[in-house]
Amino acid sequence: MRIGELAARAGTTTRALRYYESRGLLPARRDDRGYRSYDEADLRLLTQIRTLRDFGFELEETRPFVECLRAGHPEGDACPASLAVYRRKLDELDALIGELRTVREQVAGRLRLAAESLVPGGPEPLCELGGLER
């Protein structure tokens, strides 16, 4: 199949495919007329790349999965290098979740303090920007 058909089937653009080719993630085969030529195996590579990218993986992080598929494994995560990338990504996600929990606790604390400072029936707190006139 040609590049346009592969892009359509993979849900991406021809520009992205050319970029993947330049990065060595997609083979650069040409037919007898010089057109890029792809097959179902290439579609599997692209599906793997797109799935991982949707999960937040950087493009270079997809390389072990692509290489695993190229080596003939039925799945891109059937190789030790792919599993190592999964582990690194989980560690990264756990760290981000920890950071988000900390920020959430800080925001919740500020909300509590702000809510406690409001006295029922008392004056509304002044907002620095609220009193500006044009």
N, C-alpha and C. Protein backbone atom coordinates (compact mmCIF):
# COMPACT_ATOMS: atom_id res chain seq x y z
N MET A 1 0.85 -1.18 0.00
CA MET A 1 0.00 0.00 0.00
C MET A 1 0.89 1.23 0.00
N ARG A 2 0.35 2.33 -0.47
CA ARG A 2 1.10 3.58 -0.53
C ARG A 2 0.94 4.36 0.78
N ILE A 3 1.72 5.41 0.89
CA ILE A 3 1.80 6.17 2.13
C ILE A 3 0.44 6.77 2.53
N GLY A 4 -0.34 7.26 1.58
CA GLY A 4 -1.63 7.85 1.90
C GLY A 4 -2.60 6.84 2.49
N GLU A 5 -2.62 5.65 1.90
CA GLU A 5 -3.51 4.60 2.42
C GLU A 5 -3.07 4.16 3.81
N LEU A 6 -1.76 4.00 4.00
CA LEU A 6 -1.26 3.60 5.32
C LEU A 6 -1.61 4.67 6.36
N ALA A 7 -1.42 5.92 6.02
CA ALA A 7 -1.73 7.01 6.95
C ALA A 7 -3.20 6.98 7.32
N ALA A 8 -4.06 6.81 6.33
CA ALA A 8 -5.51 6.77 6.58
C ALA A 8 -5.88 5.59 7.47
N ARG A 9 -5.33 4.44 7.19
CA ARG A 9 -5.65 3.24 7.97
C ARG A 9 -5.12 3.33 9.39
N ALA A 10 -3.99 4.02 9.55
CA ALA A 10 -3.38 4.15 10.87
C ALA A 10 -3.93 5.34 11.65
N GLY A 11 -4.70 6.18 11.00
CA GLY A 11 -5.26 7.35 11.67
C GLY A 11 -4.22 8.42 11.94
N THR A 12 -3.31 8.60 11.00
CA THR A 12 -2.26 9.61 11.17
C THR A 12 -2.07 10.34 9.84
N THR A 13 -1.00 11.08 9.72
CA THR A 13 -0.74 11.85 8.51
C THR A 13 0.47 11.29 7.76
N THR A 14 0.54 11.62 6.49
CA THR A 14 1.72 11.20 5.71
C THR A 14 2.97 11.89 6.25
N ARG A 15 2.80 13.09 6.74
CA ARG A 15 3.94 13.82 7.33
C ARG A 15 4.51 13.05 8.53
N ALA A 16 3.62 12.55 9.38
CA ALA A 16 4.06 11.76 10.54
C ALA A 16 4.80 10.50 10.09
N LEU A 17 4.28 9.87 9.04
CA LEU A 17 4.93 8.65 8.55
C LEU A 17 6.33 8.95 8.02
N ARG A 18 6.46 10.04 7.31
CA ARG A 18 7.80 10.42 6.82
C ARG A 18 8.75 10.70 7.98
N TYR A 19 8.21 11.31 9.03
CA TYR A 19 9.03 11.60 10.21
C TYR A 19 9.45 10.29 10.88
N TYR A 20 8.52 9.35 11.05
CA TYR A 20 8.85 8.05 11.64
C TYR A 20 9.91 7.35 10.79
N GLU A 21 9.79 7.48 9.49
CA GLU A 21 10.78 6.89 8.58
C GLU A 21 12.15 7.53 8.82
N SER A 22 12.18 8.85 8.95
CA SER A 22 13.46 9.55 9.15
C SER A 22 14.10 9.17 10.48
N ARG A 23 13.28 8.78 11.46
CA ARG A 23 13.78 8.38 12.77
C ARG A 23 14.11 6.89 12.83
N GLY A 24 13.89 6.17 11.73
CA GLY A 24 14.21 4.75 11.68
C GLY A 24 13.17 3.85 12.31
N LEU A 25 11.99 4.37 12.57
CA LEU A 25 10.93 3.54 13.17
C LEU A 25 10.07 2.85 12.13
N LEU A 26 10.06 3.36 10.94
CA LEU A 26 9.26 2.81 9.86
C LEU A 26 10.18 2.54 8.68
N PRO A 27 10.08 1.36 8.07
CA PRO A 27 10.98 1.06 6.95
C PRO A 27 10.75 1.98 5.76
N ALA A 28 11.79 2.19 5.00
CA ALA A 28 11.74 3.08 3.83
C ALA A 28 11.87 2.27 2.55
N ARG A 29 10.87 1.41 2.30
CA ARG A 29 10.89 0.61 1.08
C ARG A 29 10.26 1.40 -0.06
N ARG A 30 10.75 1.15 -1.27
CA ARG A 30 10.19 1.82 -2.46
C ARG A 30 9.82 0.76 -3.48
N ASP A 31 8.73 1.04 -4.22
CA ASP A 31 8.35 0.11 -5.28
C ASP A 31 9.16 0.45 -6.55
N ASP A 32 8.88 -0.25 -7.64
CA ASP A 32 9.66 -0.07 -8.86
C ASP A 32 9.49 1.31 -9.49
N ARG A 33 8.46 2.04 -9.09
CA ARG A 33 8.26 3.40 -9.61
C ARG A 33 8.76 4.47 -8.64
N GLY A 34 9.35 4.04 -7.52
CA GLY A 34 9.92 4.98 -6.56
C GLY A 34 8.97 5.42 -5.46
N TYR A 35 7.75 4.89 -5.45
CA TYR A 35 6.80 5.25 -4.40
C TYR A 35 7.08 4.46 -3.13
N ARG A 36 6.84 5.08 -2.00
CA ARG A 36 6.96 4.36 -0.74
C ARG A 36 5.95 3.21 -0.75
N SER A 37 6.37 2.07 -0.22
CA SER A 37 5.52 0.88 -0.22
C SER A 37 5.47 0.29 1.18
N TYR A 38 4.26 -0.02 1.64
CA TYR A 38 4.06 -0.53 2.99
C TYR A 38 3.17 -1.76 2.95
N ASP A 39 3.21 -2.54 4.05
CA ASP A 39 2.38 -3.72 4.15
C ASP A 39 1.69 -3.76 5.52
N GLU A 40 1.02 -4.85 5.79
CA GLU A 40 0.27 -4.99 7.05
C GLU A 40 1.19 -4.96 8.27
N ALA A 41 2.41 -5.46 8.13
CA ALA A 41 3.36 -5.42 9.25
C ALA A 41 3.68 -3.97 9.61
N ASP A 42 3.78 -3.11 8.61
CA ASP A 42 4.03 -1.70 8.87
C ASP A 42 2.84 -1.06 9.60
N LEU A 43 1.64 -1.49 9.24
CA LEU A 43 0.45 -0.99 9.92
C LEU A 43 0.49 -1.40 11.39
N ARG A 44 0.94 -2.61 11.68
CA ARG A 44 1.08 -3.07 13.07
C ARG A 44 2.08 -2.20 13.83
N LEU A 45 3.19 -1.86 13.17
CA LEU A 45 4.19 -0.98 13.81
C LEU A 45 3.56 0.36 14.16
N LEU A 46 2.84 0.91 13.20
CA LEU A 46 2.21 2.22 13.43
C LEU A 46 1.15 2.16 14.52
N THR A 47 0.39 1.09 14.55
CA THR A 47 -0.62 0.93 15.58
C THR A 47 0.04 0.89 16.95
N GLN A 48 1.15 0.19 17.05
CA GLN A 48 1.90 0.12 18.31
C GLN A 48 2.40 1.51 18.70
N ILE A 49 2.98 2.22 17.76
CA ILE A 49 3.50 3.57 18.03
C ILE A 49 2.37 4.48 18.49
N ARG A 50 1.27 4.48 17.76
CA ARG A 50 0.14 5.36 18.08
C ARG A 50 -0.45 5.04 19.46
N THR A 51 -0.58 3.77 19.77
CA THR A 51 -1.11 3.38 21.08
C THR A 51 -0.23 3.89 22.20
N LEU A 52 1.06 3.68 22.06
CA LEU A 52 1.99 4.14 23.09
C LEU A 52 2.01 5.66 23.19
N ARG A 53 1.96 6.34 22.04
CA ARG A 53 1.93 7.81 22.05
C ARG A 53 0.66 8.30 22.75
N ASP A 54 -0.47 7.62 22.52
CA ASP A 54 -1.72 7.97 23.20
C ASP A 54 -1.60 7.79 24.72
N PHE A 55 -0.76 6.87 25.15
CA PHE A 55 -0.52 6.65 26.58
C PHE A 55 0.45 7.67 27.16
N GLY A 56 1.03 8.51 26.31
CA GLY A 56 1.96 9.54 26.79
C GLY A 56 3.43 9.19 26.63
N PHE A 57 3.73 8.12 25.89
CA PHE A 57 5.12 7.75 25.67
C PHE A 57 5.74 8.70 24.64
N GLU A 58 6.98 9.06 24.86
CA GLU A 58 7.73 9.84 23.88
C GLU A 58 8.00 8.93 22.67
N LEU A 59 8.23 9.53 21.53
CA LEU A 59 8.44 8.74 20.32
C LEU A 59 9.61 7.78 20.48
N GLU A 60 10.70 8.24 21.05
CA GLU A 60 11.88 7.37 21.20
C GLU A 60 11.60 6.20 22.14
N GLU A 61 10.67 6.37 23.07
CA GLU A 61 10.32 5.29 23.98
C GLU A 61 9.60 4.16 23.26
N THR A 62 9.08 4.42 22.08
CA THR A 62 8.38 3.37 21.32
C THR A 62 9.36 2.44 20.60
N ARG A 63 10.60 2.86 20.46
CA ARG A 63 11.57 2.10 19.67
C ARG A 63 11.70 0.63 20.10
N PRO A 64 11.85 0.31 21.40
CA PRO A 64 11.97 -1.11 21.77
C PRO A 64 10.75 -1.94 21.37
N PHE A 65 9.57 -1.35 21.40
CA PHE A 65 8.35 -2.06 21.02
C PHE A 65 8.35 -2.34 19.51
N VAL A 66 8.78 -1.34 18.74
CA VAL A 66 8.86 -1.49 17.28
C VAL A 66 9.89 -2.56 16.94
N GLU A 67 11.04 -2.50 17.59
CA GLU A 67 12.09 -3.49 17.33
C GLU A 67 11.64 -4.89 17.71
N CYS A 68 10.86 -4.99 18.75
CA CYS A 68 10.33 -6.29 19.18
C CYS A 68 9.41 -6.86 18.10
N LEU A 69 8.53 -6.02 17.57
CA LEU A 69 7.65 -6.48 16.48
C LEU A 69 8.46 -6.86 15.25
N ARG A 70 9.45 -6.05 14.92
CA ARG A 70 10.29 -6.35 13.74
C ARG A 70 11.04 -7.66 13.91
N ALA A 71 11.34 -8.03 15.16
CA ALA A 71 12.06 -9.28 15.42
C ALA A 71 11.15 -10.49 15.28
N GLY A 72 9.85 -10.25 15.01
CA GLY A 72 8.94 -11.35 14.77
C GLY A 72 8.06 -11.73 15.94
N HIS A 73 8.13 -10.99 17.04
CA HIS A 73 7.28 -11.29 18.19
C HIS A 73 5.84 -10.87 17.89
N PRO A 74 4.89 -11.59 18.43
CA PRO A 74 3.48 -11.28 18.12
C PRO A 74 3.02 -9.95 18.71
N GLU A 75 3.66 -9.51 19.79
CA GLU A 75 3.31 -8.25 20.44
C GLU A 75 4.58 -7.44 20.68
N GLY A 76 4.43 -6.13 20.66
CA GLY A 76 5.59 -5.26 20.85
C GLY A 76 6.12 -5.23 22.26
N ASP A 77 5.33 -5.73 23.21
CA ASP A 77 5.80 -5.73 24.59
C ASP A 77 6.24 -7.12 25.06
N ALA A 78 6.60 -7.97 24.12
CA ALA A 78 7.03 -9.33 24.44
C ALA A 78 8.53 -9.44 24.66
N CYS A 79 9.25 -8.31 24.65
CA CYS A 79 10.71 -8.32 24.77
C CYS A 79 11.15 -7.62 26.06
N PRO A 80 12.28 -8.02 26.62
CA PRO A 80 12.76 -7.40 27.86
C PRO A 80 12.95 -5.88 27.76
N ALA A 81 13.41 -5.39 26.63
CA ALA A 81 13.62 -3.94 26.50
C ALA A 81 12.30 -3.19 26.58
N SER A 82 11.24 -3.75 26.05
CA SER A 82 9.92 -3.14 26.12
C SER A 82 9.42 -3.11 27.56
N LEU A 83 9.63 -4.21 28.27
CA LEU A 83 9.22 -4.26 29.67
C LEU A 83 9.97 -3.23 30.50
N ALA A 84 11.22 -3.00 30.18
CA ALA A 84 12.01 -1.99 30.90
C ALA A 84 11.43 -0.60 30.67
N VAL A 85 10.97 -0.33 29.45
CA VAL A 85 10.34 0.96 29.17
C VAL A 85 9.04 1.09 29.95
N TYR A 86 8.24 0.04 29.99
CA TYR A 86 7.02 0.06 30.80
C TYR A 86 7.35 0.40 32.26
N ARG A 87 8.38 -0.26 32.81
CA ARG A 87 8.74 -0.01 34.21
C ARG A 87 9.15 1.44 34.44
N ARG A 88 9.97 1.98 33.53
CA ARG A 88 10.39 3.38 33.66
C ARG A 88 9.20 4.32 33.58
N LYS A 89 8.28 4.02 32.66
CA LYS A 89 7.10 4.87 32.50
C LYS A 89 6.23 4.81 33.75
N LEU A 90 6.06 3.63 34.34
CA LEU A 90 5.28 3.53 35.57
C LEU A 90 5.93 4.32 36.70
N ASP A 91 7.25 4.25 36.82
CA ASP A 91 7.95 5.04 37.84
C ASP A 91 7.73 6.53 37.62
N GLU A 92 7.78 6.95 36.36
CA GLU A 92 7.54 8.36 36.01
C GLU A 92 6.12 8.77 36.37
N LEU A 93 5.15 7.92 36.04
CA LEU A 93 3.76 8.22 36.35
C LEU A 93 3.52 8.26 37.86
N ASP A 94 4.13 7.33 38.60
CA ASP A 94 3.98 7.34 40.06
C ASP A 94 4.53 8.63 40.65
N ALA A 95 5.65 9.11 40.14
CA ALA A 95 6.23 10.36 40.63
C ALA A 95 5.30 11.53 40.33
N LEU A 96 4.73 11.56 39.14
CA LEU A 96 3.80 12.63 38.78
C LEU A 96 2.54 12.59 39.66
N ILE A 97 2.05 11.40 39.92
CA ILE A 97 0.87 11.26 40.78
C ILE A 97 1.19 11.80 42.17
N GLY A 98 2.37 11.49 42.67
CA GLY A 98 2.79 12.01 43.97
C GLY A 98 2.85 13.53 43.99
N GLU A 99 3.39 14.11 42.93
CA GLU A 99 3.45 15.57 42.84
C GLU A 99 2.05 16.16 42.78
N LEU A 100 1.16 15.56 42.02
CA LEU A 100 -0.21 16.05 41.93
C LEU A 100 -0.94 15.94 43.27
N ARG A 101 -0.69 14.88 44.02
CA ARG A 101 -1.31 14.75 45.34
C ARG A 101 -0.86 15.88 46.26
N THR A 102 0.42 16.20 46.20
CA THR A 102 0.96 17.28 47.02
C THR A 102 0.32 18.61 46.66
N VAL A 103 0.22 18.90 45.36
CA VAL A 103 -0.41 20.14 44.91
C VAL A 103 -1.88 20.16 45.33
N ARG A 104 -2.56 19.04 45.21
CA ARG A 104 -3.96 18.97 45.60
C ARG A 104 -4.13 19.28 47.08
N GLU A 105 -3.27 18.72 47.91
CA GLU A 105 -3.34 18.97 49.35
C GLU A 105 -3.11 20.45 49.64
N GLN A 106 -2.19 21.08 48.94
CA GLN A 106 -1.93 22.50 49.14
C GLN A 106 -3.13 23.35 48.74
N VAL A 107 -3.73 23.03 47.61
CA VAL A 107 -4.91 23.78 47.16
C VAL A 107 -6.07 23.57 48.14
N ALA A 108 -6.27 22.33 48.59
CA ALA A 108 -7.35 22.05 49.54
C ALA A 108 -7.11 22.81 50.85
N GLY A 109 -5.87 22.90 51.28
CA GLY A 109 -5.54 23.65 52.49
C GLY A 109 -5.84 25.14 52.34
N ARG A 110 -5.49 25.69 51.20
CA ARG A 110 -5.78 27.11 50.94
C ARG A 110 -7.28 27.35 50.91
N LEU A 111 -8.02 26.43 50.31
CA LEU A 111 -9.47 26.55 50.27
C LEU A 111 -10.05 26.54 51.69
N ARG A 112 -9.58 25.61 52.52
CA ARG A 112 -10.06 25.55 53.90
C ARG A 112 -9.79 26.86 54.64
N LEU A 113 -8.58 27.38 54.52
CA LEU A 113 -8.22 28.64 55.19
C LEU A 113 -9.09 29.79 54.69
N ALA A 114 -9.29 29.85 53.38
CA ALA A 114 -10.09 30.92 52.81
C ALA A 114 -11.54 30.81 53.28
N ALA A 115 -12.07 29.60 53.31
CA ALA A 115 -13.46 29.40 53.72
C ALA A 115 -13.64 29.71 55.20
N GLU A 116 -12.66 29.38 56.03
CA GLU A 116 -12.73 29.65 57.47
C GLU A 116 -12.65 31.14 57.77
N SER A 117 -12.00 31.89 56.90
CA SER A 117 -11.84 33.33 57.15
C SER A 117 -13.12 34.10 56.83
N LEU A 118 -14.04 33.49 56.15
CA LEU A 118 -15.32 34.15 55.87
C LEU A 118 -16.22 34.03 57.09
N VAL A 119 -16.61 35.16 57.65
CA VAL A 119 -17.50 35.18 58.81
C VAL A 119 -18.92 35.35 58.28
N PRO A 120 -19.82 34.47 58.66
CA PRO A 120 -21.20 34.63 58.19
C PRO A 120 -21.75 36.01 58.57
N GLY A 121 -22.31 36.71 57.60
CA GLY A 121 -22.88 38.02 57.83
C GLY A 121 -21.84 39.13 57.84
N GLY A 122 -20.58 38.79 57.77
CA GLY A 122 -19.52 39.81 57.78
C GLY A 122 -19.30 40.37 56.39
N PRO A 123 -18.40 41.34 56.30
CA PRO A 123 -18.15 41.94 54.99
C PRO A 123 -17.50 40.94 54.04
N GLU A 124 -17.82 41.11 52.79
CA GLU A 124 -17.20 40.27 51.76
C GLU A 124 -15.72 40.62 51.69
N PRO A 125 -14.86 39.64 51.52
CA PRO A 125 -13.44 39.95 51.37
C PRO A 125 -13.21 40.75 50.09
N LEU A 126 -12.31 41.70 50.17
CA LEU A 126 -12.01 42.53 49.01
C LEU A 126 -11.03 41.82 48.09
N CYS A 127 -11.32 41.94 46.85
CA CYS A 127 -10.42 41.39 45.84
C CYS A 127 -9.67 42.57 45.25
N GLU A 128 -8.37 42.46 45.15
CA GLU A 128 -7.57 43.56 44.64
C GLU A 128 -8.04 44.04 43.27
N LEU A 129 -8.48 43.14 42.45
CA LEU A 129 -8.91 43.51 41.10
C LEU A 129 -10.38 43.91 41.06
N GLY A 130 -11.15 43.53 42.08
CA GLY A 130 -12.58 43.77 42.07
C GLY A 130 -12.95 45.24 42.17
N GLY A 131 -12.13 46.05 42.79
CA GLY A 131 -12.46 47.47 42.98
C GLY A 131 -11.97 48.39 41.90
N LEU A 132 -11.35 47.87 40.87
CA LEU A 132 -10.83 48.71 39.80
C LEU A 132 -11.96 49.25 38.94
N GLU A 133 -11.86 50.54 38.63
CA GLU A 133 -12.87 51.16 37.75
C GLU A 133 -12.20 51.53 36.44
N ARG A 134 -12.97 51.59 35.41
CA ARG A 134 -12.42 51.95 34.10
C ARG A 134 -12.73 53.36 33.80
